[in-house]
Each structure stands twice: as structure tokens, then as C-alpha cells.
Amino acid sequence: GSHMGESGKIDIDTIMTGKPKSAREKMMKIIEIIDSLAVSSECAKVKDILKEAQQVGIEKSNIEKLLTDMRKSGIIYEAKPECYKKV
């Protein structure tokens, strides 16, 4: 794959220990999506995250699970109901 995620600002390696690389790449992708969505509005709406992530080939059930994991891990938080921001 490409090395685009190499400069990922968050060190999620610690959180992702034992998880397959593909899961880590999906998580990085979702973080990027949340980041870019949160620029235009104050937080990234779940439905927008789902739409964007599905466009890059991540299945919906997967996205929802990753969002839950990321919230538990403290990578993102719910700024408003159904609206996420990077911590």
C-alpha cells in the first residue's frame, strides 16, 4: 500500500497492538475523515463519516465498530450527539 498514513500524527500503534494492519489503516482513514469533516463544521456527523468511509470501501458495520473503539480508546469524543471530534 501507499505510505500516506506514515506521518499519522496520532500514535495509535499502542492502541492497535494485536489488531491487523488493515484495521489500523481503516482507523487512520476514519480519523482523517473526522478531521476533514470537523474543519467545515465543529464536529463530524456520524452519517457523514459513514458516507465518506463507505466511499473509501469500509463497510458500515465496520465503521460503527471502529467509532466505538476509538471513542473508548479516547482518540475521538462525542462533541454533540452523533457528532464526533478528534481529541
PDB file of N, CA and C in Angstrom:
ATOM      1  N   GLY A   1       0.819  -1.209   0.000  1.00  0.00           N
ATOM      2  CA  GLY A   1       0.000   0.000   0.000  1.00  0.00           C
ATOM      3  C   GLY A   1       0.845   1.248   0.000  1.00  0.00           C
ATOM      4  N   SER A   2       0.210   2.408  -0.076  1.00  0.00           N
ATOM      5  CA  SER A   2       0.953   3.660  -0.091  1.00  0.00           C
ATOM      6  C   SER A   2       1.422   3.986   1.315  1.00  0.00           C
ATOM      7  N   HIS A   3       2.331   4.927   1.403  1.00  0.00           N
ATOM      8  CA  HIS A   3       2.866   5.281   2.712  1.00  0.00           C
ATOM      9  C   HIS A   3       2.234   6.553   3.232  1.00  0.00           C
ATOM     10  N   MET A   4       1.035   6.836   2.768  1.00  0.00           N
ATOM     11  CA  MET A   4       0.382   8.076   3.145  1.00  0.00           C
ATOM     12  C   MET A   4       0.164   8.176   4.646  1.00  0.00           C
ATOM     13  N   GLY A   5      -0.204   7.077   5.265  1.00  0.00           N
ATOM     14  CA  GLY A   5      -0.525   7.113   6.681  1.00  0.00           C
ATOM     15  C   GLY A   5       0.695   7.182   7.575  1.00  0.00           C
ATOM     16  N   GLU A   6       1.878   7.141   6.967  1.00  0.00           N
ATOM     17  CA  GLU A   6       3.106   7.051   7.745  1.00  0.00           C
ATOM     18  C   GLU A   6       3.260   8.215   8.706  1.00  0.00           C
ATOM     19  N   SER A   7       2.830   9.415   8.271  1.00  0.00           N
ATOM     20  CA  SER A   7       3.021  10.587   9.107  1.00  0.00           C
ATOM     21  C   SER A   7       1.822  10.809  10.026  1.00  0.00           C
ATOM     22  N   GLY A   8       1.013   9.762  10.211  1.00  0.00           N
ATOM     23  CA  GLY A   8      -0.160   9.872  11.080  1.00  0.00           C
ATOM     24  C   GLY A   8       0.236  10.482  12.400  1.00  0.00           C
ATOM     25  N   LYS A   9      -0.420  11.576  12.745  1.00  0.00           N
ATOM     26  CA  LYS A   9       0.002  12.352  13.893  1.00  0.00           C
ATOM     27  C   LYS A   9      -0.220  11.607  15.209  1.00  0.00           C
ATOM     28  N   ILE A  10      -1.243  10.777  15.231  1.00  0.00           N
ATOM     29  CA  ILE A  10      -1.547  10.074  16.466  1.00  0.00           C
ATOM     30  C   ILE A  10      -0.795   8.764  16.475  1.00  0.00           C
ATOM     31  N   ASP A  11      -0.195   8.419  17.589  1.00  0.00           N
ATOM     32  CA  ASP A  11       0.444   7.121  17.666  1.00  0.00           C
ATOM     33  C   ASP A  11      -0.592   6.118  18.118  1.00  0.00           C
ATOM     34  N   ILE A  12      -1.311   5.556  17.142  1.00  0.00           N
ATOM     35  CA  ILE A  12      -2.330   4.602  17.538  1.00  0.00           C
ATOM     36  C   ILE A  12      -1.770   3.193  17.551  1.00  0.00           C
ATOM     37  N   ASP A  13      -0.470   3.076  17.319  1.00  0.00           N
ATOM     38  CA  ASP A  13       0.127   1.748  17.373  1.00  0.00           C
ATOM     39  C   ASP A  13      -0.103   1.105  18.724  1.00  0.00           C
ATOM     40  N   THR A  14      -0.007   1.900  19.766  1.00  0.00           N
ATOM     41  CA  THR A  14      -0.176   1.370  21.106  1.00  0.00           C
ATOM     42  C   THR A  14      -1.587   0.820  21.289  1.00  0.00           C
ATOM     43  N   ILE A  15      -2.568   1.573  20.817  1.00  0.00           N
ATOM     44  CA  ILE A  15      -3.955   1.160  20.933  1.00  0.00           C
ATOM     45  C   ILE A  15      -4.232  -0.048  20.039  1.00  0.00           C
ATOM     46  N   MET A  16      -3.559  -0.078  18.890  1.00  0.00           N
ATOM     47  CA  MET A  16      -3.861  -1.075  17.887  1.00  0.00           C
ATOM     48  C   MET A  16      -3.058  -2.364  18.046  1.00  0.00           C
ATOM     49  N   THR A  17      -2.307  -2.486  19.129  1.00  0.00           N
ATOM     50  CA  THR A  17      -1.487  -3.672  19.296  1.00  0.00           C
ATOM     51  C   THR A  17      -2.338  -4.926  19.162  1.00  0.00           C
ATOM     52  N   GLY A  18      -1.887  -5.841  18.364  1.00  0.00           N
ATOM     53  CA  GLY A  18      -2.614  -7.097  18.211  1.00  0.00           C
ATOM     54  C   GLY A  18      -3.741  -7.035  17.201  1.00  0.00           C
ATOM     55  N   LYS A  19      -3.995  -5.873  16.652  1.00  0.00           N
ATOM     56  CA  LYS A  19      -5.031  -5.770  15.629  1.00  0.00           C
ATOM     57  C   LYS A  19      -4.376  -5.790  14.248  1.00  0.00           C
ATOM     58  N   PRO A  20      -5.048  -6.349  13.267  1.00  0.00           N
ATOM     59  CA  PRO A  20      -4.442  -6.421  11.934  1.00  0.00           C
ATOM     60  C   PRO A  20      -4.167  -5.035  11.356  1.00  0.00           C
ATOM     61  N   LYS A  21      -3.175  -4.979  10.470  1.00  0.00           N
ATOM     62  CA  LYS A  21      -2.773  -3.722   9.872  1.00  0.00           C
ATOM     63  C   LYS A  21      -3.937  -3.059   9.138  1.00  0.00           C
ATOM     64  N   SER A  22      -4.776  -3.886   8.502  1.00  0.00           N
ATOM     65  CA  SER A  22      -5.900  -3.320   7.750  1.00  0.00           C
ATOM     66  C   SER A  22      -6.822  -2.539   8.673  1.00  0.00           C
ATOM     67  N   ALA A  23      -7.019  -3.040   9.885  1.00  0.00           N
ATOM     68  CA  ALA A  23      -7.871  -2.338  10.852  1.00  0.00           C
ATOM     69  C   ALA A  23      -7.234  -1.009  11.222  1.00  0.00           C
ATOM     70  N   ARG A  24      -5.903  -1.022  11.363  1.00  0.00           N
ATOM     71  CA  ARG A  24      -5.217   0.219  11.701  1.00  0.00           C
ATOM     72  C   ARG A  24      -5.365   1.226  10.569  1.00  0.00           C
ATOM     73  N   GLU A  25      -5.248   0.752   9.338  1.00  0.00           N
ATOM     74  CA  GLU A  25      -5.374   1.655   8.200  1.00  0.00           C
ATOM     75  C   GLU A  25      -6.783   2.223   8.101  1.00  0.00           C
ATOM     76  N   LYS A  26      -7.779   1.386   8.392  1.00  0.00           N
ATOM     77  CA  LYS A  26      -9.164   1.874   8.372  1.00  0.00           C
ATOM     78  C   LYS A  26      -9.359   2.937   9.439  1.00  0.00           C
ATOM     79  N   MET A  27      -8.765   2.688  10.602  1.00  0.00           N
ATOM     80  CA  MET A  27      -8.907   3.650  11.690  1.00  0.00           C
ATOM     81  C   MET A  27      -8.260   4.981  11.321  1.00  0.00           C
ATOM     82  N   MET A  28      -7.067   4.921  10.723  1.00  0.00           N
ATOM     83  CA  MET A  28      -6.395   6.148  10.292  1.00  0.00           C
ATOM     84  C   MET A  28      -7.263   6.904   9.295  1.00  0.00           C
ATOM     85  N   LYS A  29      -7.869   6.133   8.387  1.00  0.00           N
ATOM     86  CA  LYS A  29      -8.722   6.713   7.358  1.00  0.00           C
ATOM     87  C   LYS A  29      -9.904   7.437   8.021  1.00  0.00           C
ATOM     88  N   ILE A  30     -10.524   6.786   8.985  1.00  0.00           N
ATOM     89  CA  ILE A  30     -11.679   7.379   9.659  1.00  0.00           C
ATOM     90  C   ILE A  30     -11.261   8.632  10.440  1.00  0.00           C
ATOM     91  N   ILE A  31     -10.072   8.580  11.038  1.00  0.00           N
ATOM     92  CA  ILE A  31      -9.581   9.769  11.742  1.00  0.00           C
ATOM     93  C   ILE A  31      -9.406  10.923  10.760  1.00  0.00           C
ATOM     94  N   GLU A  32      -8.853  10.623   9.590  1.00  0.00           N
ATOM     95  CA  GLU A  32      -8.695  11.659   8.565  1.00  0.00           C
ATOM     96  C   GLU A  32     -10.043  12.232   8.160  1.00  0.00           C
ATOM     97  N   ILE A  33     -11.017  11.347   7.996  1.00  0.00           N
ATOM     98  CA  ILE A  33     -12.363  11.782   7.610  1.00  0.00           C
ATOM     99  C   ILE A  33     -12.956  12.693   8.680  1.00  0.00           C
ATOM    100  N   ILE A  34     -12.839  12.273   9.934  1.00  0.00           N
ATOM    101  CA  ILE A  34     -13.369  13.075  11.036  1.00  0.00           C
ATOM    102  C   ILE A  34     -12.681  14.437  11.061  1.00  0.00           C
ATOM    103  N   ASP A  35     -11.363  14.397  10.862  1.00  0.00           N
ATOM    104  CA  ASP A  35     -10.574  15.618  10.823  1.00  0.00           C
ATOM    105  C   ASP A  35     -11.066  16.593   9.765  1.00  0.00           C
ATOM    106  N   SER A  36     -11.227  16.088   8.553  1.00  0.00           N
ATOM    107  CA  SER A  36     -11.611  16.987   7.467  1.00  0.00           C
ATOM    108  C   SER A  36     -13.057  17.450   7.604  1.00  0.00           C
ATOM    109  N   LEU A  37     -13.929  16.577   8.112  1.00  0.00           N
ATOM    110  CA  LEU A  37     -15.325  16.985   8.309  1.00  0.00           C
ATOM    111  C   LEU A  37     -15.436  18.019   9.430  1.00  0.00           C
ATOM    112  N   ALA A  38     -14.596  17.875  10.442  1.00  0.00           N
ATOM    113  CA  ALA A  38     -14.668  18.777  11.591  1.00  0.00           C
ATOM    114  C   ALA A  38     -14.109  20.162  11.262  1.00  0.00           C
ATOM    115  N   VAL A  39     -13.422  20.271  10.122  1.00  0.00           N
ATOM    116  CA  VAL A  39     -12.893  21.573   9.718  1.00  0.00           C
ATOM    117  C   VAL A  39     -14.031  22.492   9.265  1.00  0.00           C
ATOM    118  N   SER A  40     -14.919  21.945   8.442  1.00  0.00           N
ATOM    119  CA  SER A  40     -16.000  22.770   7.894  1.00  0.00           C
ATOM    120  C   SER A  40     -17.128  23.002   8.893  1.00  0.00           C
ATOM    121  N   SER A  41     -17.343  22.034   9.786  1.00  0.00           N
ATOM    122  CA  SER A  41     -18.318  22.251  10.862  1.00  0.00           C
ATOM    123  C   SER A  41     -17.573  21.924  12.147  1.00  0.00           C
ATOM    124  N   GLU A  42     -18.203  22.150  13.307  1.00  0.00           N
ATOM    125  CA  GLU A  42     -17.402  21.980  14.523  1.00  0.00           C
ATOM    126  C   GLU A  42     -17.159  20.518  14.879  1.00  0.00           C
ATOM    127  N   CYS A  43     -17.968  19.611  14.314  1.00  0.00           N
ATOM    128  CA  CYS A  43     -17.733  18.196  14.574  1.00  0.00           C
ATOM    129  C   CYS A  43     -18.206  17.370  13.379  1.00  0.00           C
ATOM    130  N   ALA A  44     -17.798  16.127  13.335  1.00  0.00           N
ATOM    131  CA  ALA A  44     -18.109  15.264  12.199  1.00  0.00           C
ATOM    132  C   ALA A  44     -19.349  14.430  12.498  1.00  0.00           C
ATOM    133  N   LYS A  45     -20.404  14.658  11.753  1.00  0.00           N
ATOM    134  CA  LYS A  45     -21.640  13.912  11.970  1.00  0.00           C
ATOM    135  C   LYS A  45     -21.448  12.456  11.559  1.00  0.00           C
ATOM    136  N   VAL A  46     -22.014  11.563  12.373  1.00  0.00           N
ATOM    137  CA  VAL A  46     -21.858  10.137  12.111  1.00  0.00           C
ATOM    138  C   VAL A  46     -22.311   9.775  10.698  1.00  0.00           C
ATOM    139  N   LYS A  47     -23.431  10.350  10.257  1.00  0.00           N
ATOM    140  CA  LYS A  47     -23.910   9.986   8.919  1.00  0.00           C
ATOM    141  C   LYS A  47     -22.936  10.427   7.829  1.00  0.00           C
ATOM    142  N   ASP A  48     -22.250  11.544   8.057  1.00  0.00           N
ATOM    143  CA  ASP A  48     -21.246  12.000   7.092  1.00  0.00           C
ATOM    144  C   ASP A  48     -20.002  11.112   7.133  1.00  0.00           C
ATOM    145  N   ILE A  49     -19.611  10.710   8.348  1.00  0.00           N
ATOM    146  CA  ILE A  49     -18.473   9.804   8.489  1.00  0.00           C
ATOM    147  C   ILE A  49     -18.773   8.499   7.752  1.00  0.00           C
ATOM    148  N   LEU A  50     -19.976   7.972   7.965  1.00  0.00           N
ATOM    149  CA  LEU A  50     -20.379   6.732   7.305  1.00  0.00           C
ATOM    150  C   LEU A  50     -20.325   6.872   5.792  1.00  0.00           C
ATOM    151  N   LYS A  51     -20.850   7.987   5.306  1.00  0.00           N
ATOM    152  CA  LYS A  51     -20.894   8.208   3.862  1.00  0.00           C
ATOM    153  C   LYS A  51     -19.474   8.246   3.283  1.00  0.00           C
ATOM    154  N   GLU A  52     -18.611   9.046   3.900  1.00  0.00           N
ATOM    155  CA  GLU A  52     -17.241   9.190   3.417  1.00  0.00           C
ATOM    156  C   GLU A  52     -16.468   7.879   3.512  1.00  0.00           C
ATOM    157  N   ALA A  53     -16.595   7.206   4.647  1.00  0.00           N
ATOM    158  CA  ALA A  53     -15.817   5.980   4.861  1.00  0.00           C
ATOM    159  C   ALA A  53     -16.285   4.867   3.926  1.00  0.00           C
ATOM    160  N   GLN A  54     -17.587   4.833   3.643  1.00  0.00           N
ATOM    161  CA  GLN A  54     -18.089   3.823   2.717  1.00  0.00           C
ATOM    162  C   GLN A  54     -17.563   4.085   1.306  1.00  0.00           C
ATOM    163  N   GLN A  55     -17.335   5.342   0.987  1.00  0.00           N
ATOM    164  CA  GLN A  55     -16.791   5.687  -0.325  1.00  0.00           C
ATOM    165  C   GLN A  55     -15.357   5.183  -0.490  1.00  0.00           C
ATOM    166  N   VAL A  56     -14.628   5.065   0.606  1.00  0.00           N
ATOM    167  CA  VAL A  56     -13.273   4.535   0.503  1.00  0.00           C
ATOM    168  C   VAL A  56     -13.253   3.031   0.787  1.00  0.00           C
ATOM    169  N   GLY A  57     -14.440   2.428   0.819  1.00  0.00           N
ATOM    170  CA  GLY A  57     -14.524   0.976   0.871  1.00  0.00           C
ATOM    171  C   GLY A  57     -14.559   0.332   2.243  1.00  0.00           C
ATOM    172  N   ILE A  58     -14.919   1.094   3.264  1.00  0.00           N
ATOM    173  CA  ILE A  58     -15.056   0.489   4.593  1.00  0.00           C
ATOM    174  C   ILE A  58     -16.533   0.196   4.827  1.00  0.00           C
ATOM    175  N   GLU A  59     -16.844  -1.026   5.232  1.00  0.00           N
ATOM    176  CA  GLU A  59     -18.265  -1.339   5.387  1.00  0.00           C
ATOM    177  C   GLU A  59     -18.845  -0.691   6.647  1.00  0.00           C
ATOM    178  N   LYS A  60     -20.146  -0.406   6.568  1.00  0.00           N
ATOM    179  CA  LYS A  60     -20.849   0.357   7.597  1.00  0.00           C
ATOM    180  C   LYS A  60     -20.681  -0.248   8.993  1.00  0.00           C
ATOM    181  N   SER A  61     -20.866  -1.557   9.103  1.00  0.00           N
ATOM    182  CA  SER A  61     -20.779  -2.189  10.426  1.00  0.00           C
ATOM    183  C   SER A  61     -19.381  -2.018  11.010  1.00  0.00           C
ATOM    184  N   ASN A  62     -18.406  -2.055  10.111  1.00  0.00           N
ATOM    185  CA  ASN A  62     -17.019  -1.873  10.492  1.00  0.00           C
ATOM    186  C   ASN A  62     -16.749  -0.464  11.005  1.00  0.00           C
ATOM    187  N   ILE A  63     -17.305   0.512  10.306  1.00  0.00           N
ATOM    188  CA  ILE A  63     -17.119   1.911  10.675  1.00  0.00           C
ATOM    189  C   ILE A  63     -17.696   2.147  12.068  1.00  0.00           C
ATOM    190  N   GLU A  64     -18.908   1.627  12.284  1.00  0.00           N
ATOM    191  CA  GLU A  64     -19.562   1.859  13.571  1.00  0.00           C
ATOM    192  C   GLU A  64     -18.767   1.229  14.703  1.00  0.00           C
ATOM    193  N   LYS A  65     -18.222   0.048  14.451  1.00  0.00           N
ATOM    194  CA  LYS A  65     -17.420  -0.619  15.472  1.00  0.00           C
ATOM    195  C   LYS A  65     -16.143   0.175  15.751  1.00  0.00           C
ATOM    196  N   LEU A  66     -15.503   0.644  14.680  1.00  0.00           N
ATOM    197  CA  LEU A  66     -14.278   1.425  14.851  1.00  0.00           C
ATOM    198  C   LEU A  66     -14.542   2.712  15.619  1.00  0.00           C
ATOM    199  N   LEU A  67     -15.666   3.361  15.321  1.00  0.00           N
ATOM    200  CA  LEU A  67     -16.010   4.594  16.036  1.00  0.00           C
ATOM    201  C   LEU A  67     -16.170   4.318  17.524  1.00  0.00           C
ATOM    202  N   THR A  68     -16.816   3.209  17.847  1.00  0.00           N
ATOM    203  CA  THR A  68     -16.994   2.826  19.257  1.00  0.00           C
ATOM    204  C   THR A  68     -15.642   2.569  19.911  1.00  0.00           C
ATOM    205  N   ASP A  69     -14.799   1.807  19.224  1.00  0.00           N
ATOM    206  CA  ASP A  69     -13.457   1.509  19.738  1.00  0.00           C
ATOM    207  C   ASP A  69     -12.660   2.776  19.966  1.00  0.00           C
ATOM    208  N   MET A  70     -12.718   3.674  18.980  1.00  0.00           N
ATOM    209  CA  MET A  70     -11.945   4.900  19.063  1.00  0.00           C
ATOM    210  C   MET A  70     -12.435   5.795  20.189  1.00  0.00           C
ATOM    211  N   ARG A  71     -13.740   5.758  20.412  1.00  0.00           N
ATOM    212  CA  ARG A  71     -14.269   6.565  21.499  1.00  0.00           C
ATOM    213  C   ARG A  71     -13.824   5.998  22.843  1.00  0.00           C
ATOM    214  N   LYS A  72     -13.870   4.674  22.970  1.00  0.00           N
ATOM    215  CA  LYS A  72     -13.432   4.031  24.214  1.00  0.00           C
ATOM    216  C   LYS A  72     -11.953   4.268  24.459  1.00  0.00           C
ATOM    217  N   SER A  73     -11.190   4.293  23.365  1.00  0.00           N
ATOM    218  CA  SER A  73      -9.742   4.474  23.495  1.00  0.00           C
ATOM    219  C   SER A  73      -9.353   5.924  23.719  1.00  0.00           C
ATOM    220  N   GLY A  74     -10.332   6.833  23.593  1.00  0.00           N
ATOM    221  CA  GLY A  74     -10.044   8.241  23.811  1.00  0.00           C
ATOM    222  C   GLY A  74      -9.374   8.925  22.640  1.00  0.00           C
ATOM    223  N   ILE A  75      -9.554   8.379  21.422  1.00  0.00           N
ATOM    224  CA  ILE A  75      -8.996   9.025  20.225  1.00  0.00           C
ATOM    225  C   ILE A  75      -9.953  10.109  19.745  1.00  0.00           C
ATOM    226  N   ILE A  76     -11.240   9.809  19.864  1.00  0.00           N
ATOM    227  CA  ILE A  76     -12.260  10.770  19.470  1.00  0.00           C
ATOM    228  C   ILE A  76     -13.254  10.913  20.623  1.00  0.00           C
ATOM    229  N   TYR A  77     -14.036  11.948  20.597  1.00  0.00           N
ATOM    230  CA  TYR A  77     -15.097  12.085  21.594  1.00  0.00           C
ATOM    231  C   TYR A  77     -16.343  12.628  20.916  1.00  0.00           C
ATOM    232  N   GLU A  78     -17.454  12.458  21.599  1.00  0.00           N
ATOM    233  CA  GLU A  78     -18.715  12.927  21.061  1.00  0.00           C
ATOM    234  C   GLU A  78     -18.916  14.374  21.488  1.00  0.00           C
ATOM    235  N   ALA A  79     -18.693  15.281  20.551  1.00  0.00           N
ATOM    236  CA  ALA A  79     -18.828  16.704  20.849  1.00  0.00           C
ATOM    237  C   ALA A  79     -20.298  17.057  21.052  1.00  0.00           C
ATOM    238  N   LYS A  80     -21.137  16.454  20.204  1.00  0.00           N
ATOM    239  CA  LYS A  80     -22.593  16.585  20.318  1.00  0.00           C
ATOM    240  C   LYS A  80     -23.130  15.208  19.998  1.00  0.00           C
ATOM    241  N   PRO A  81     -24.387  14.940  20.345  1.00  0.00           N
ATOM    242  CA  PRO A  81     -24.933  13.616  19.997  1.00  0.00           C
ATOM    243  C   PRO A  81     -24.705  13.294  18.528  1.00  0.00           C
ATOM    244  N   GLU A  82     -24.188  12.111  18.260  1.00  0.00           N
ATOM    245  CA  GLU A  82     -23.966  11.652  16.884  1.00  0.00           C
ATOM    246  C   GLU A  82     -23.012  12.547  16.106  1.00  0.00           C
ATOM    247  N   CYS A  83     -22.104  13.197  16.799  1.00  0.00           N
ATOM    248  CA  CYS A  83     -21.177  14.106  16.136  1.00  0.00           C
ATOM    249  C   CYS A  83     -19.823  14.027  16.854  1.00  0.00           C
ATOM    250  N   TYR A  84     -18.809  13.602  16.125  1.00  0.00           N
ATOM    251  CA  TYR A  84     -17.519  13.322  16.742  1.00  0.00           C
ATOM    252  C   TYR A  84     -16.434  14.331  16.417  1.00  0.00           C
ATOM    253  N   LYS A  85     -15.480  14.394  17.340  1.00  0.00           N
ATOM    254  CA  LYS A  85     -14.292  15.220  17.137  1.00  0.00           C
ATOM    255  C   LYS A  85     -13.092  14.456  17.603  1.00  0.00           C
ATOM    256  N   LYS A  86     -11.957  14.788  17.012  1.00  0.00           N
ATOM    257  CA  LYS A  86     -10.717  14.181  17.456  1.00  0.00           C
ATOM    258  C   LYS A  86     -10.325  14.828  18.778  1.00  0.00           C
ATOM    259  N   VAL A  87      -9.831  14.019  19.688  1.00  0.00           N
ATOM    260  CA  VAL A  87      -9.459  14.536  20.993  1.00  0.00           C
ATOM    261  C   VAL A  87      -8.227  15.431  20.876  1.00  0.00           C
TER     262      VAL A  87
END
